[in-house]
Protein backbone atom coordinates (compact mmCIF):
# COMPACT_ATOMS: atom_id res chain seq x y z
CA MET A 1 -90.51 74.98 151.70
CA ILE A 2 -91.36 71.27 151.60
CA ARG A 3 -93.73 69.98 148.95
CA LEU A 4 -95.38 66.67 148.05
CA SER A 5 -97.73 65.79 145.24
CA ASN A 6 -99.47 62.65 144.00
CA ARG A 7 -97.60 63.26 140.76
CA ASP A 8 -94.41 62.48 142.55
CA VAL A 9 -95.52 59.20 144.02
CA PRO A 10 -96.63 55.85 142.45
CA ALA A 11 -100.34 55.21 142.90
CA ARG A 12 -99.85 52.24 145.25
CA ASP A 13 -97.72 54.39 147.66
CA ARG A 14 -99.66 57.60 147.68
CA LEU A 15 -101.52 57.20 150.96
CA SER A 16 -98.50 55.96 152.90
CA TYR A 17 -96.38 58.78 151.56
CA LEU A 18 -99.05 61.32 152.43
CA HIS A 19 -99.51 59.93 155.93
CA ASP A 20 -95.74 60.03 156.48
CA PHE A 21 -95.46 63.55 155.18
CA VAL A 22 -98.39 65.00 157.14
CA ALA A 23 -97.40 63.17 160.38
CA ARG A 24 -93.81 64.27 160.11
CA SER A 25 -94.29 67.90 158.98
CA VAL A 26 -97.65 69.10 160.07
CA ALA A 27 -100.04 66.91 162.18
CA GLY A 28 -100.80 63.27 162.80
CA LEU A 29 -103.83 62.55 160.62
CA GLN A 30 -105.26 59.46 158.88
CA PHE A 31 -106.89 59.86 155.48
CA THR A 32 -109.29 57.60 153.61
CA PRO A 33 -109.99 58.74 150.00
CA ARG A 34 -113.68 58.69 149.02
CA GLU A 35 -112.67 57.91 145.38
CA SER A 36 -109.56 55.81 145.84
CA ASP A 37 -109.18 55.16 142.14
CA ASP A 38 -108.12 58.79 141.43
CA PHE A 39 -106.86 60.23 144.69
CA MET A 40 -105.14 63.53 144.21
CA PHE A 41 -103.24 65.73 146.62
CA ASP A 42 -100.72 68.60 146.67
CA VAL A 43 -99.22 69.53 150.01
CA SER A 44 -96.76 72.30 150.91
CA CYS A 45 -95.42 73.41 154.25
CA LEU A 46 -93.01 75.99 155.60
CA GLU A 47 -91.40 75.59 159.00
CA LEU A 48 -91.01 78.75 160.99
CA ASP A 49 -89.68 79.55 164.45
CA GLY A 50 -90.12 76.90 167.09
CA ASP A 51 -92.81 74.29 166.33
CA VAL A 52 -94.77 76.82 164.11
CA VAL A 53 -95.67 75.43 160.66
CA VAL A 54 -97.64 77.11 157.90
CA GLY A 55 -98.96 75.08 155.03
CA SER A 56 -101.44 74.62 152.19
CA ALA A 57 -103.01 71.53 150.59
CA ARG A 58 -105.34 70.49 147.87
CA TYR A 59 -107.21 67.19 148.19
CA SER A 60 -109.63 65.02 146.43
CA SER A 61 -112.75 64.18 148.48
CA LEU A 62 -111.69 62.29 151.60
CA ARG A 63 -112.42 61.35 155.17
CA GLY A 64 -109.81 62.45 157.72
CA GLU A 65 -109.30 61.37 161.37
CA ARG A 66 -107.27 62.28 164.38
CA THR A 67 -107.75 59.00 166.17
CA ARG A 68 -107.21 57.96 169.78
CA GLU A 69 -104.14 55.98 168.60
CA LEU A 70 -102.68 58.98 166.71
CA ILE A 71 -103.19 61.20 169.75
CA ALA A 72 -100.57 59.05 171.53
CA ASP A 73 -97.97 60.94 169.48
CA GLY A 74 -98.03 63.59 172.23
CA ARG A 75 -98.79 66.62 169.98
CA GLU A 76 -100.65 69.35 171.91
CA ASN A 77 -100.32 72.48 169.88
CA TRP A 78 -103.19 74.27 168.12
CA MET A 79 -104.01 73.38 164.52
CA LEU A 80 -105.68 76.24 162.59
CA THR A 81 -107.31 75.49 159.16
CA ILE A 82 -109.15 77.51 156.60
CA HIS A 83 -110.92 75.55 153.85
CA ASP A 84 -112.43 76.98 150.67
CA ARG A 85 -115.40 74.58 150.77
CA ASP A 86 -118.04 73.73 153.40
CA TYR A 87 -117.35 70.56 155.34
CA GLU A 88 -118.50 68.60 158.43
CA VAL A 89 -116.47 67.59 161.47
CA THR A 90 -117.33 65.32 164.40
CA LEU A 91 -115.48 65.86 167.69
CA GLY A 92 -114.41 63.20 170.16
CA ASN A 93 -117.52 63.85 172.32
CA GLY A 94 -119.88 63.15 169.33
CA GLN A 95 -120.68 66.80 168.69
CA GLU A 96 -121.20 67.40 164.96
CA LEU A 97 -120.39 70.77 163.40
CA ARG A 98 -120.76 72.18 159.89
CA VAL A 99 -118.08 74.70 158.86
CA SER A 100 -118.51 77.09 155.95
CA GLY A 101 -115.81 77.88 153.42
CA GLY A 102 -113.51 80.61 154.57
CA ASP A 103 -114.12 80.05 158.26
CA ILE A 104 -111.29 79.56 160.70
CA VAL A 105 -111.22 76.38 162.81
CA ILE A 106 -108.73 76.05 165.64
CA VAL A 107 -108.46 72.53 167.22
CA SER A 108 -106.19 71.30 170.02
CA GLU A 109 -104.10 68.47 168.65
CA ASP A 110 -104.97 66.27 171.65
CA LEU A 111 -108.62 66.29 170.58
CA ARG A 112 -110.10 63.32 168.62
CA GLN A 113 -111.99 64.37 165.50
CA THR A 114 -113.31 63.06 162.23
CA PHE A 115 -114.02 65.25 159.16
CA MET A 116 -115.49 64.74 155.72
CA LEU A 117 -113.93 66.90 153.08
CA PRO A 118 -115.18 67.53 149.51
CA SER A 119 -112.52 68.25 146.87
CA THR A 120 -111.00 71.30 148.59
CA ARG A 121 -108.08 73.68 149.05
CA LEU A 122 -106.99 74.70 152.42
CA ARG A 123 -104.43 76.61 154.40
CA ALA A 124 -103.18 75.27 157.75
CA LEU A 125 -101.15 76.70 160.60
CA VAL A 126 -99.67 74.97 163.66
CA LEU A 127 -99.62 77.39 166.57
CA ASP A 128 -97.69 77.04 169.82
CA ARG A 129 -99.96 76.21 172.71
CA ARG A 130 -98.13 78.22 175.30
CA ARG A 131 -97.83 81.36 173.22
CA MET A 132 -101.51 81.22 172.25
CA LEU A 133 -102.59 80.87 175.94
CA GLU A 134 -100.52 83.82 176.80
CA MET A 135 -101.90 86.02 173.94
CA ALA A 136 -105.53 84.75 173.92
CA PRO A 137 -106.35 83.03 177.29
CA ALA A 138 -109.86 82.35 176.03
CA ILE A 139 -108.44 79.69 173.69
CA GLY A 140 -107.93 77.39 176.77
CA ARG A 141 -111.67 77.33 177.60
CA ARG A 142 -112.26 74.49 175.15
CA ALA A 143 -110.43 72.38 172.63
CA TYR A 144 -112.26 73.51 169.47
CA HIS A 145 -112.94 77.04 168.20
CA HIS A 146 -114.94 78.11 165.17
CA VAL A 147 -114.45 81.63 163.83
CA PRO A 148 -116.79 82.59 160.88
CA ALA A 149 -115.19 84.17 157.86
CA ALA A 150 -117.06 87.43 158.50
CA MET A 151 -115.38 88.04 161.82
CA PRO A 152 -112.76 90.84 161.97
CA GLY A 153 -109.24 89.63 161.30
CA VAL A 154 -110.11 86.45 159.51
CA ASN A 155 -109.35 87.74 156.01
CA LEU A 156 -106.15 89.40 157.27
CA LEU A 157 -104.83 86.12 158.75
CA SER A 158 -105.85 84.18 155.72
CA GLY A 159 -104.10 86.58 153.40
CA TYR A 160 -100.86 86.65 155.46
CA ILE A 161 -100.70 82.87 155.36
CA ARG A 162 -101.04 83.03 151.57
CA LEU A 163 -98.42 85.70 151.38
CA LEU A 164 -95.90 83.57 153.38
CA LEU A 165 -96.51 80.57 151.11
CA ASP A 166 -96.20 82.55 147.89
CA GLY A 167 -93.29 84.62 149.03
CA PRO A 168 -89.53 83.96 148.79
CA PRO A 169 -87.69 81.92 151.47
CA LEU A 170 -87.24 83.59 154.82
CA GLY A 171 -84.03 83.79 156.83
CA ALA A 172 -83.90 83.10 160.61
CA PRO A 173 -85.04 86.67 161.58
CA GLY A 174 -87.86 86.42 159.08
CA THR A 175 -89.12 83.08 160.36
CA ARG A 176 -89.21 84.45 163.94
CA LEU A 177 -91.04 87.60 162.79
CA ALA A 178 -93.54 85.59 160.71
CA ALA A 179 -94.26 83.16 163.62
CA ASP A 180 -94.88 86.20 166.02
CA GLN A 181 -97.19 87.85 163.54
CA LEU A 182 -99.13 84.66 162.94
CA HIS A 183 -99.79 84.17 166.62
CA GLN A 184 -100.83 87.82 166.91
CA LEU A 185 -103.28 87.64 164.02
CA ALA A 186 -104.70 84.29 165.27
CA ALA A 187 -105.20 85.81 168.73
CA ALA A 188 -106.88 88.89 167.27
CA ALA A 189 -109.26 86.78 165.23
CA LEU A 190 -110.11 84.59 168.18
CA GLY A 191 -110.54 87.57 170.39
CA GLY A 192 -113.06 89.07 168.04
CA ARG A 193 -115.04 85.91 168.02
CA ASP A 194 -114.84 85.62 171.81
CA GLU A 195 -116.17 89.14 172.21
CA GLN A 196 -119.10 88.36 169.94
CA GLU A 197 -119.86 85.22 171.80
CA ARG A 198 -119.91 87.11 175.13
CA THR A 199 -122.48 89.54 173.61
CA GLU A 200 -124.58 86.87 171.98
CA LEU A 201 -124.46 84.42 174.85
CA SER A 202 -125.20 86.91 177.63
CA GLY A 203 -128.90 86.83 176.94
CA ILE A 204 -128.83 82.97 176.57
CA ALA A 205 -126.87 82.69 179.82
CA ARG A 206 -129.41 84.89 181.71
CA SER A 207 -132.25 82.69 180.43
CA ARG A 208 -130.42 79.48 181.35
CA LEU A 209 -129.75 80.72 184.85
CA ALA A 210 -133.36 81.78 185.27
CA LEU A 211 -134.37 78.21 184.28
CA VAL A 212 -131.90 76.75 186.79
CA LYS A 213 -133.22 78.99 189.58
CA ASP A 214 -136.77 78.06 188.78
CA TYR A 215 -135.89 74.37 188.83
CA LEU A 216 -134.19 74.77 192.23
CA ALA A 217 -137.13 76.69 193.64
CA ARG A 218 -139.38 73.73 192.88
CA HIS A 219 -136.96 71.16 194.26
CA LEU A 220 -135.54 72.83 197.35
CA THR A 221 -136.91 70.26 199.65
CA GLU A 222 -135.05 67.35 197.96
CA PRO A 223 -131.99 66.80 200.12
CA ASP A 224 -129.99 64.85 197.52
CA ILE A 225 -130.05 67.55 194.74
CA ASP A 226 -126.66 68.49 193.46
CA ILE A 227 -125.05 70.48 190.65
CA ALA A 228 -124.30 67.36 188.52
CA ASP A 229 -127.96 66.34 188.57
CA VAL A 230 -129.19 69.81 187.75
CA ALA A 231 -126.65 70.26 184.97
CA ARG A 232 -127.60 66.94 183.42
CA ARG A 233 -131.24 67.95 183.42
CA GLN A 234 -130.39 71.32 181.82
CA GLN A 235 -128.13 69.57 179.28
CA VAL A 236 -125.07 71.68 180.23
CA THR A 237 -121.87 70.85 182.09
CA PRO A 238 -121.47 71.42 185.85
CA ARG A 239 -118.68 73.79 185.10
CA TYR A 240 -120.77 75.89 182.83
CA MET A 241 -123.52 76.04 185.45
CA GLN A 242 -121.02 77.09 188.01
CA ARG A 243 -119.89 79.94 185.82
CA LEU A 244 -123.49 81.13 185.48
CA PHE A 245 -123.62 81.63 189.24
CA GLU A 246 -120.14 83.06 189.47
CA ARG A 247 -121.24 85.95 187.10
CA GLU A 248 -123.66 86.86 189.94
CA GLY A 249 -121.02 86.76 192.56
CA THR A 250 -122.14 83.49 194.15
CA THR A 251 -121.90 79.73 193.65
CA PHE A 252 -124.45 76.94 193.01
CA SER A 253 -124.01 75.59 196.56
CA ARG A 254 -124.38 78.99 198.24
CA PHE A 255 -127.46 79.89 196.14
CA LEU A 256 -129.05 76.54 196.95
CA ARG A 257 -128.25 76.89 200.68
CA ASP A 258 -129.52 80.54 200.85
CA SER A 259 -132.72 79.60 199.03
CA ARG A 260 -133.40 76.82 201.55
CA LEU A 261 -132.65 79.18 204.39
CA ASP A 262 -135.20 81.66 202.97
CA LEU A 263 -137.72 78.92 202.77
CA ALA A 264 -137.07 77.86 206.32
CA HIS A 265 -137.30 81.49 207.55
CA ARG A 266 -140.71 81.80 205.95
CA ALA A 267 -141.91 78.58 207.56
CA LEU A 268 -140.72 79.64 211.01
CA GLU A 269 -142.35 83.10 210.69
CA ALA A 270 -145.62 81.49 209.62
CA GLY A 271 -145.72 79.55 212.90
CA ASP A 272 -147.10 76.38 211.17
CA GLY A 273 -146.59 74.18 214.27
CA ARG A 274 -143.65 72.11 213.03
CA SER A 275 -140.57 71.82 215.14
CA ILE A 276 -137.32 73.53 214.10
CA SER A 277 -135.76 70.26 213.23
CA ALA A 278 -138.72 69.19 211.13
CA ILE A 279 -138.63 72.49 209.23
CA ALA A 280 -134.87 72.15 208.67
CA PHE A 281 -135.14 68.62 207.34
CA ASP A 282 -138.23 69.42 205.21
CA CYS A 283 -136.19 72.40 203.61
CA GLY A 284 -133.47 70.05 202.54
CA PHE A 285 -130.95 70.28 205.38
CA GLY A 286 -129.58 66.99 206.59
CA ASP A 287 -127.82 68.28 209.73
CA LEU A 288 -129.61 70.36 212.41
CA SER A 289 -126.49 71.88 213.94
CA HIS A 290 -125.28 72.96 210.53
CA PHE A 291 -128.72 74.42 209.81
CA ASN A 292 -128.71 76.50 213.08
CA LYS A 293 -125.20 77.77 212.28
CA VAL A 294 -125.80 78.91 208.71
CA PHE A 295 -129.30 80.39 209.71
CA ARG A 296 -127.71 82.62 212.30
CA GLN A 297 -124.96 83.61 209.82
CA ARG A 298 -127.57 84.64 207.23
CA PHE A 299 -130.23 86.28 209.43
CA GLY A 300 -128.29 87.32 212.54
CA VAL A 301 -130.71 85.44 214.84
CA ALA A 302 -131.27 81.83 215.76
CA PRO A 303 -134.14 79.87 214.37
CA ARG A 304 -135.73 79.53 217.82
CA ASP A 305 -135.89 83.38 218.06
CA ILE A 306 -137.93 83.56 214.85
CA LYS A 307 -140.22 80.73 216.02
CA ALA A 308 -140.76 82.31 219.47
CA SER A 309 -141.58 85.72 217.85
CA ALA A 310 -144.07 84.02 215.60
CA MET A 311 -145.77 82.29 218.56
CA ARG A 312 -146.12 85.51 220.45
CA ARG A 313 -147.88 87.16 217.48
CA MET A 314 -150.34 84.35 217.32
CA GLN A 315 -151.43 84.49 220.97
């Protein structure tokens, strides 16, 4: 067990010692005390198997950062923290989150972040990226995960971390076993949150997809419409939008193409007097030969056959 306290360091050297200790033993972070005249800290960490580290800390109120410059240290594991007080964190993309005391936060070490901490106690855990991806593939979907304290498994993981820090020193077999169990408990807590998110977000996802489909129905005739434009208007990412369509067994491009083909088919059946090329272009297709090909693939007949049938009905 490695320990560092402000009681061990002259006041003028406290920040530099803290930065060196945290960067060397846990994670590369930069701290700015909010009350520099009386900055207090107690930090402990226990190195386990591989790069796994379990630690605890007690700080005065401070501002912490994982800056672009610090990210250059090449760390890419997962940092899990549990604070006893509410706090706020701002991610590299500008997203602001409020975390309640007792919640689990898991952040990729290659993500920029800034957090404002009141006087707080915390427990921290460095988890191996590869092992977590194997045990909980959902962790790779994004660089930041927030698991509320009420979720199953959170109290068990928090208590196990406390037990390791309060217990006697571990031998080599013990450090390997502890590291394995910490990964299993973290994966279980994250898996419970992922399952809840799937349940909660399924209704939101259906509503979002309905809005996207409605938007496309009103803009089918615009030839330059693309997934990036629609995603921006819906305030989501193109990848998220693509996943919405994948859940229905299709893609954004295929849905857009088929909707345009349906529109063209209705126009041809109506016999409105326009040429096939005019209908194709008016329905958002920029290439007539491509239109003819995909039309036949979808309906089993050529556009001219639909048009001829409509003309015969109107005679």
